[in-house]
């Protein structure tokens, strides 16, 4: 019984090893309030007093252009 549990634990630990998460474009929800705005370029800006954070979805091609020296291994280049 203990051997089977060890095998299951090892199998479950390797289940997520090959998973690459790819996110899509950012967009705030309606219930998130007025502190979030979406610009024409698709960036989402959070503003509170003098603090401002801007997020923009970046494609793989853009990242590969910006970091060409580090983009030689495909998805494993991170």
PDB file of N, CA and C in Angstrom:
ATOM      1  N   UNK A   1       0.829  -1.191   0.000  1.00  0.00           N
ATOM      2  CA  UNK A   1       0.000   0.000   0.000  1.00  0.00           C
ATOM      3  C   UNK A   1       0.874   1.257   0.000  1.00  0.00           C
ATOM      4  N   UNK A   2       1.919   1.252   0.810  1.00  0.00           N
ATOM      5  CA  UNK A   2       2.796   2.424   0.875  1.00  0.00           C
ATOM      6  C   UNK A   2       3.508   2.647  -0.450  1.00  0.00           C
ATOM      7  N   UNK A   3       3.852   1.559  -1.132  1.00  0.00           N
ATOM      8  CA  UNK A   3       4.512   1.679  -2.433  1.00  0.00           C
ATOM      9  C   UNK A   3       3.616   2.336  -3.466  1.00  0.00           C
ATOM     10  N   UNK A   4       2.330   1.985  -3.431  1.00  0.00           N
ATOM     11  CA  UNK A   4       1.379   2.589  -4.367  1.00  0.00           C
ATOM     12  C   UNK A   4       1.211   4.082  -4.100  1.00  0.00           C
ATOM     13  N   UNK A   5       1.199   4.448  -2.829  1.00  0.00           N
ATOM     14  CA  UNK A   5       1.082   5.868  -2.492  1.00  0.00           C
ATOM     15  C   UNK A   5       2.287   6.650  -2.988  1.00  0.00           C
ATOM     16  N   UNK A   6       3.459   6.064  -2.876  1.00  0.00           N
ATOM     17  CA  UNK A   6       4.672   6.735  -3.357  1.00  0.00           C
ATOM     18  C   UNK A   6       4.615   6.897  -4.870  1.00  0.00           C
ATOM     19  N   UNK A   7       4.177   5.846  -5.573  1.00  0.00           N
ATOM     20  CA  UNK A   7       4.061   5.927  -7.036  1.00  0.00           C
ATOM     21  C   UNK A   7       3.065   7.004  -7.426  1.00  0.00           C
ATOM     22  N   UNK A   8       1.917   7.062  -6.752  1.00  0.00           N
ATOM     23  CA  UNK A   8       0.920   8.093  -7.052  1.00  0.00           C
ATOM     24  C   UNK A   8       1.455   9.493  -6.759  1.00  0.00           C
ATOM     25  N   UNK A   9       2.171   9.638  -5.670  1.00  0.00           N
ATOM     26  CA  UNK A   9       2.733  10.951  -5.328  1.00  0.00           C
ATOM     27  C   UNK A   9       3.741  11.402  -6.375  1.00  0.00           C
ATOM     28  N   UNK A  10       4.577  10.482  -6.848  1.00  0.00           N
ATOM     29  CA  UNK A  10       5.560  10.830  -7.881  1.00  0.00           C
ATOM     30  C   UNK A  10       4.860  11.183  -9.185  1.00  0.00           C
ATOM     31  N   UNK A  11       3.855  10.396  -9.561  1.00  0.00           N
ATOM     32  CA  UNK A  11       3.116  10.677 -10.800  1.00  0.00           C
ATOM     33  C   UNK A  11       2.417  12.032 -10.742  1.00  0.00           C
ATOM     34  N   UNK A  12       1.786  12.328  -9.622  1.00  0.00           N
ATOM     35  CA  UNK A  12       1.089  13.606  -9.489  1.00  0.00           C
ATOM     36  C   UNK A  12       2.053  14.787  -9.463  1.00  0.00           C
ATOM     37  N   UNK A  13       3.239  14.585  -8.928  1.00  0.00           N
ATOM     38  CA  UNK A  13       4.198  15.692  -8.884  1.00  0.00           C
ATOM     39  C   UNK A  13       4.734  16.026 -10.266  1.00  0.00           C
ATOM     40  N   UNK A  14       4.745  15.065 -11.178  1.00  0.00           N
ATOM     41  CA  UNK A  14       5.235  15.319 -12.529  1.00  0.00           C
ATOM     42  C   UNK A  14       4.136  15.767 -13.486  1.00  0.00           C
ATOM     43  N   UNK A  15       2.891  15.785 -13.053  1.00  0.00           N
ATOM     44  CA  UNK A  15       1.787  16.157 -13.936  1.00  0.00           C
ATOM     45  C   UNK A  15       1.887  17.598 -14.423  1.00  0.00           C
ATOM     46  N   UNK A  16       2.415  18.487 -13.621  1.00  0.00           N
ATOM     47  CA  UNK A  16       2.456  19.898 -14.009  1.00  0.00           C
ATOM     48  C   UNK A  16       3.785  20.312 -14.610  1.00  0.00           C
ATOM     49  N   UNK A  17       4.695  19.397 -14.806  1.00  0.00           N
ATOM     50  CA  UNK A  17       6.021  19.767 -15.304  1.00  0.00           C
ATOM     51  C   UNK A  17       5.996  20.273 -16.741  1.00  0.00           C
ATOM     52  N   UNK A  18       5.098  19.803 -17.574  1.00  0.00           N
ATOM     53  CA  UNK A  18       5.071  20.207 -18.970  1.00  0.00           C
ATOM     54  C   UNK A  18       4.043  21.270 -19.283  1.00  0.00           C
ATOM     55  N   UNK A  19       3.470  21.917 -18.305  1.00  0.00           N
ATOM     56  CA  UNK A  19       2.406  22.891 -18.517  1.00  0.00           C
ATOM     57  C   UNK A  19       2.984  24.287 -18.664  1.00  0.00           C
ATOM     58  N   UNK A  20       2.676  24.927 -19.793  1.00  0.00           N
ATOM     59  CA  UNK A  20       3.065  26.315 -20.019  1.00  0.00           C
ATOM     60  C   UNK A  20       1.793  27.152 -20.081  1.00  0.00           C
ATOM     61  N   UNK A  21       1.695  28.144 -19.225  1.00  0.00           N
ATOM     62  CA  UNK A  21       0.497  28.977 -19.179  1.00  0.00           C
ATOM     63  C   UNK A  21       0.668  30.163 -20.117  1.00  0.00           C
ATOM     64  N   UNK A  22      -0.256  30.319 -21.034  1.00  0.00           N
ATOM     65  CA  UNK A  22      -0.240  31.457 -21.948  1.00  0.00           C
ATOM     66  C   UNK A  22      -1.494  32.281 -21.692  1.00  0.00           C
ATOM     67  N   UNK A  23      -1.312  33.506 -21.280  1.00  0.00           N
ATOM     68  CA  UNK A  23      -2.439  34.383 -20.964  1.00  0.00           C
ATOM     69  C   UNK A  23      -2.858  35.168 -22.198  1.00  0.00           C
ATOM     70  N   UNK A  24      -4.073  35.637 -22.190  1.00  0.00           N
ATOM     71  CA  UNK A  24      -4.582  36.451 -23.280  1.00  0.00           C
ATOM     72  C   UNK A  24      -4.557  37.919 -22.919  1.00  0.00           C
ATOM     73  N   UNK A  25      -5.165  38.736 -23.746  1.00  0.00           N
ATOM     74  CA  UNK A  25      -5.192  40.177 -23.487  1.00  0.00           C
ATOM     75  C   UNK A  25      -5.866  40.510 -22.156  1.00  0.00           C
ATOM     76  N   UNK A  26      -5.409  41.583 -21.527  1.00  0.00           N
ATOM     77  CA  UNK A  26      -5.934  42.013 -20.232  1.00  0.00           C
ATOM     78  C   UNK A  26      -7.177  42.862 -20.421  1.00  0.00           C
ATOM     79  N   UNK A  27      -8.138  42.712 -19.522  1.00  0.00           N
ATOM     80  CA  UNK A  27      -9.309  43.588 -19.525  1.00  0.00           C
ATOM     81  C   UNK A  27      -9.914  43.571 -18.123  1.00  0.00           C
ATOM     82  N   UNK A  28     -10.212  44.754 -17.561  1.00  0.00           N
ATOM     83  CA  UNK A  28     -10.799  44.796 -16.222  1.00  0.00           C
ATOM     84  C   UNK A  28     -12.276  44.423 -16.263  1.00  0.00           C
ATOM     85  N   UNK A  29     -12.767  43.926 -15.159  1.00  0.00           N
ATOM     86  CA  UNK A  29     -14.182  43.615 -15.040  1.00  0.00           C
ATOM     87  C   UNK A  29     -14.942  44.870 -14.633  1.00  0.00           C
ATOM     88  N   UNK A  30     -16.244  44.902 -14.903  1.00  0.00           N
ATOM     89  CA  UNK A  30     -17.064  46.071 -14.569  1.00  0.00           C
ATOM     90  C   UNK A  30     -17.094  46.339 -13.072  1.00  0.00           C
ATOM     91  N   UNK A  31     -17.085  45.291 -12.259  1.00  0.00           N
ATOM     92  CA  UNK A  31     -17.198  45.477 -10.813  1.00  0.00           C
ATOM     93  C   UNK A  31     -15.884  45.854 -10.150  1.00  0.00           C
ATOM     94  N   UNK A  32     -14.815  46.106 -10.912  1.00  0.00           N
ATOM     95  CA  UNK A  32     -13.534  46.460 -10.316  1.00  0.00           C
ATOM     96  C   UNK A  32     -13.399  47.948 -10.017  1.00  0.00           C
ATOM     97  N   UNK A  33     -14.353  48.735 -10.368  1.00  0.00           N
ATOM     98  CA  UNK A  33     -14.349  50.130  -9.956  1.00  0.00           C
ATOM     99  C   UNK A  33     -13.701  51.074 -10.946  1.00  0.00           C
ATOM    100  N   UNK A  34     -13.663  52.350 -10.536  1.00  0.00           N
ATOM    101  CA  UNK A  34     -13.184  53.406 -11.422  1.00  0.00           C
ATOM    102  C   UNK A  34     -11.673  53.565 -11.385  1.00  0.00           C
ATOM    103  N   UNK A  35     -10.977  52.855 -10.504  1.00  0.00           N
ATOM    104  CA  UNK A  35      -9.523  52.988 -10.411  1.00  0.00           C
ATOM    105  C   UNK A  35      -8.819  52.320 -11.585  1.00  0.00           C
ATOM    106  N   UNK A  36      -9.538  51.484 -12.346  1.00  0.00           N
ATOM    107  CA  UNK A  36      -8.953  50.792 -13.489  1.00  0.00           C
ATOM    108  C   UNK A  36      -9.474  51.379 -14.786  1.00  0.00           C
ATOM    109  N   UNK A  37      -8.568  51.633 -15.717  1.00  0.00           N
ATOM    110  CA  UNK A  37      -8.954  52.123 -17.036  1.00  0.00           C
ATOM    111  C   UNK A  37      -8.226  51.312 -18.092  1.00  0.00           C
ATOM    112  N   UNK A  38      -8.842  51.197 -19.267  1.00  0.00           N
ATOM    113  CA  UNK A  38      -8.244  50.489 -20.395  1.00  0.00           C
ATOM    114  C   UNK A  38      -7.938  51.505 -21.482  1.00  0.00           C
ATOM    115  N   UNK A  39      -6.691  51.543 -21.933  1.00  0.00           N
ATOM    116  CA  UNK A  39      -6.285  52.472 -22.984  1.00  0.00           C
ATOM    117  C   UNK A  39      -6.515  51.834 -24.355  1.00  0.00           C
ATOM    118  N   UNK A  40      -6.339  52.637 -25.407  1.00  0.00           N
ATOM    119  CA  UNK A  40      -6.536  52.153 -26.769  1.00  0.00           C
ATOM    120  C   UNK A  40      -5.550  51.053 -27.149  1.00  0.00           C
ATOM    121  N   UNK A  41      -4.356  51.062 -26.559  1.00  0.00           N
ATOM    122  CA  UNK A  41      -3.364  50.036 -26.887  1.00  0.00           C
ATOM    123  C   UNK A  41      -3.595  48.734 -26.128  1.00  0.00           C
ATOM    124  N   UNK A  42      -4.655  48.659 -25.318  1.00  0.00           N
ATOM    125  CA  UNK A  42      -4.980  47.453 -24.574  1.00  0.00           C
ATOM    126  C   UNK A  42      -4.375  47.397 -23.191  1.00  0.00           C
ATOM    127  N   UNK A  43      -3.615  48.414 -22.814  1.00  0.00           N
ATOM    128  CA  UNK A  43      -3.015  48.410 -21.482  1.00  0.00           C
ATOM    129  C   UNK A  43      -4.068  48.753 -20.435  1.00  0.00           C
ATOM    130  N   UNK A  44      -3.909  48.170 -19.256  1.00  0.00           N
ATOM    131  CA  UNK A  44      -4.813  48.406 -18.133  1.00  0.00           C
ATOM    132  C   UNK A  44      -4.045  49.197 -17.089  1.00  0.00           C
ATOM    133  N   UNK A  45      -4.623  50.323 -16.636  1.00  0.00           N
ATOM    134  CA  UNK A  45      -3.960  51.191 -15.672  1.00  0.00           C
ATOM    135  C   UNK A  45      -4.767  51.247 -14.383  1.00  0.00           C
ATOM    136  N   UNK A  46      -4.074  51.006 -13.267  1.00  0.00           N
ATOM    137  CA  UNK A  46      -4.658  51.156 -11.935  1.00  0.00           C
ATOM    138  C   UNK A  46      -4.082  52.425 -11.329  1.00  0.00           C
ATOM    139  N   UNK A  47      -4.948  53.330 -10.868  1.00  0.00           N
ATOM    140  CA  UNK A  47      -4.509  54.594 -10.289  1.00  0.00           C
ATOM    141  C   UNK A  47      -5.145  54.781  -8.919  1.00  0.00           C
ATOM    142  N   UNK A  48      -4.290  55.121  -7.949  1.00  0.00           N
ATOM    143  CA  UNK A  48      -4.773  55.450  -6.606  1.00  0.00           C
ATOM    144  C   UNK A  48      -3.875  56.554  -6.066  1.00  0.00           C
ATOM    145  N   UNK A  49      -4.446  57.726  -5.871  1.00  0.00           N
ATOM    146  CA  UNK A  49      -3.701  58.921  -5.472  1.00  0.00           C
ATOM    147  C   UNK A  49      -2.564  59.164  -6.469  1.00  0.00           C
ATOM    148  N   UNK A  50      -1.313  59.160  -6.004  1.00  0.00           N
ATOM    149  CA  UNK A  50      -0.183  59.387  -6.909  1.00  0.00           C
ATOM    150  C   UNK A  50       0.456  58.087  -7.394  1.00  0.00           C
ATOM    151  N   UNK A  51      -0.088  56.958  -6.977  1.00  0.00           N
ATOM    152  CA  UNK A  51       0.434  55.649  -7.351  1.00  0.00           C
ATOM    153  C   UNK A  51      -0.265  55.157  -8.613  1.00  0.00           C
ATOM    154  N   UNK A  52       0.507  54.725  -9.603  1.00  0.00           N
ATOM    155  CA  UNK A  52      -0.065  54.259 -10.865  1.00  0.00           C
ATOM    156  C   UNK A  52       0.693  53.025 -11.352  1.00  0.00           C
ATOM    157  N   UNK A  53      -0.062  51.994 -11.723  1.00  0.00           N
ATOM    158  CA  UNK A  53       0.517  50.770 -12.279  1.00  0.00           C
ATOM    159  C   UNK A  53      -0.142  50.518 -13.625  1.00  0.00           C
ATOM    160  N   UNK A  54       0.678  50.285 -14.654  1.00  0.00           N
ATOM    161  CA  UNK A  54       0.152  50.025 -15.997  1.00  0.00           C
ATOM    162  C   UNK A  54       0.638  48.656 -16.460  1.00  0.00           C
ATOM    163  N   UNK A  55      -0.297  47.819 -16.898  1.00  0.00           N
ATOM    164  CA  UNK A  55       0.011  46.495 -17.427  1.00  0.00           C
ATOM    165  C   UNK A  55      -0.360  46.446 -18.894  1.00  0.00           C
ATOM    166  N   UNK A  56       0.484  45.801 -19.669  1.00  0.00           N
ATOM    167  CA  UNK A  56       0.189  45.636 -21.092  1.00  0.00           C
ATOM    168  C   UNK A  56       0.539  44.215 -21.496  1.00  0.00           C
ATOM    169  N   UNK A  57      -0.363  43.581 -22.212  1.00  0.00           N
ATOM    170  CA  UNK A  57      -0.144  42.235 -22.724  1.00  0.00           C
ATOM    171  C   UNK A  57       0.961  42.293 -23.776  1.00  0.00           C
ATOM    172  N   UNK A  58       1.941  41.419 -23.644  1.00  0.00           N
ATOM    173  CA  UNK A  58       3.070  41.384 -24.575  1.00  0.00           C
ATOM    174  C   UNK A  58       3.078  40.020 -25.251  1.00  0.00           C
ATOM    175  N   UNK A  59       3.146  40.005 -26.575  1.00  0.00           N
ATOM    176  CA  UNK A  59       3.150  38.743 -27.307  1.00  0.00           C
ATOM    177  C   UNK A  59       4.528  38.092 -27.256  1.00  0.00           C
ATOM    178  N   UNK A  60       4.582  36.836 -27.629  1.00  0.00           N
ATOM    179  CA  UNK A  60       5.856  36.120 -27.678  1.00  0.00           C
ATOM    180  C   UNK A  60       6.824  36.789 -28.643  1.00  0.00           C
ATOM    181  N   UNK A  61       6.323  37.245 -29.772  1.00  0.00           N
ATOM    182  CA  UNK A  61       7.198  37.892 -30.765  1.00  0.00           C
ATOM    183  C   UNK A  61       7.829  39.164 -30.216  1.00  0.00           C
ATOM    184  N   UNK A  62       7.036  39.954 -29.473  1.00  0.00           N
ATOM    185  CA  UNK A  62       7.590  41.170 -28.873  1.00  0.00           C
ATOM    186  C   UNK A  62       8.680  40.839 -27.863  1.00  0.00           C
ATOM    187  N   UNK A  63       8.437  39.832 -27.030  1.00  0.00           N
ATOM    188  CA  UNK A  63       9.450  39.426 -26.054  1.00  0.00           C
ATOM    189  C   UNK A  63      10.705  38.898 -26.738  1.00  0.00           C
ATOM    190  N   UNK A  64      10.526  38.124 -27.803  1.00  0.00           N
ATOM    191  CA  UNK A  64      11.684  37.602 -28.525  1.00  0.00           C
ATOM    192  C   UNK A  64      12.500  38.716 -29.157  1.00  0.00           C
ATOM    193  N   UNK A  65      11.837  39.775 -29.644  1.00  0.00           N
ATOM    194  CA  UNK A  65      12.571  40.914 -30.213  1.00  0.00           C
ATOM    195  C   UNK A  65      13.319  41.676 -29.134  1.00  0.00           C
ATOM    196  N   UNK A  66      12.686  41.882 -27.985  1.00  0.00           N
ATOM    197  CA  UNK A  66      13.320  42.649 -26.909  1.00  0.00           C
ATOM    198  C   UNK A  66      14.476  41.900 -26.268  1.00  0.00           C
ATOM    199  N   UNK A  67      14.364  40.588 -26.176  1.00  0.00           N
ATOM    200  CA  UNK A  67      15.384  39.779 -25.504  1.00  0.00           C
ATOM    201  C   UNK A  67      15.908  38.714 -26.459  1.00  0.00           C
ATOM    202  N   UNK A  68      16.405  39.146 -27.602  1.00  0.00           N
ATOM    203  CA  UNK A  68      16.848  38.226 -28.652  1.00  0.00           C
ATOM    204  C   UNK A  68      17.969  37.307 -28.182  1.00  0.00           C
ATOM    205  N   UNK A  69      18.859  37.797 -27.348  1.00  0.00           N
ATOM    206  CA  UNK A  69      19.981  36.972 -26.886  1.00  0.00           C
ATOM    207  C   UNK A  69      19.520  35.841 -25.972  1.00  0.00           C
ATOM    208  N   UNK A  70      18.355  35.988 -25.359  1.00  0.00           N
ATOM    209  CA  UNK A  70      17.864  34.987 -24.411  1.00  0.00           C
ATOM    210  C   UNK A  70      16.690  34.190 -24.970  1.00  0.00           C
ATOM    211  N   UNK A  71      16.350  34.359 -26.244  1.00  0.00           N
ATOM    212  CA  UNK A  71      15.152  33.743 -26.812  1.00  0.00           C
ATOM    213  C   UNK A  71      15.490  32.627 -27.791  1.00  0.00           C
ATOM    214  N   UNK A  72      16.445  31.801 -27.475  1.00  0.00           N
ATOM    215  CA  UNK A  72      16.853  30.758 -28.414  1.00  0.00           C
ATOM    216  C   UNK A  72      16.276  29.388 -28.095  1.00  0.00           C
ATOM    217  N   UNK A  73      15.637  29.213 -26.945  1.00  0.00           N
ATOM    218  CA  UNK A  73      15.145  27.893 -26.537  1.00  0.00           C
ATOM    219  C   UNK A  73      13.626  27.780 -26.561  1.00  0.00           C
ATOM    220  N   UNK A  74      12.937  28.631 -27.299  1.00  0.00           N
ATOM    221  CA  UNK A  74      11.483  28.546 -27.387  1.00  0.00           C
ATOM    222  C   UNK A  74      10.813  28.821 -26.052  1.00  0.00           C
ATOM    223  N   UNK A  75       9.796  27.995 -25.672  1.00  0.00           N
ATOM    224  CA  UNK A  75       9.083  28.222 -24.411  1.00  0.00           C
ATOM    225  C   UNK A  75       9.964  28.105 -23.175  1.00  0.00           C
ATOM    226  N   UNK A  76      11.097  27.445 -23.286  1.00  0.00           N
ATOM    227  CA  UNK A  76      11.976  27.278 -22.127  1.00  0.00           C
ATOM    228  C   UNK A  76      12.933  28.455 -21.964  1.00  0.00           C
ATOM    229  N   UNK A  77      12.739  29.529 -22.689  1.00  0.00           N
ATOM    230  CA  UNK A  77      13.643  30.681 -22.642  1.00  0.00           C
ATOM    231  C   UNK A  77      13.396  31.590 -21.458  1.00  0.00           C
ATOM    232  N   UNK A  78      12.456  31.281 -20.602  1.00  0.00           N
ATOM    233  CA  UNK A  78      12.137  32.170 -19.492  1.00  0.00           C
ATOM    234  C   UNK A  78      13.102  32.049 -18.360  1.00  0.00           C
TER     235      UNK A  78
END
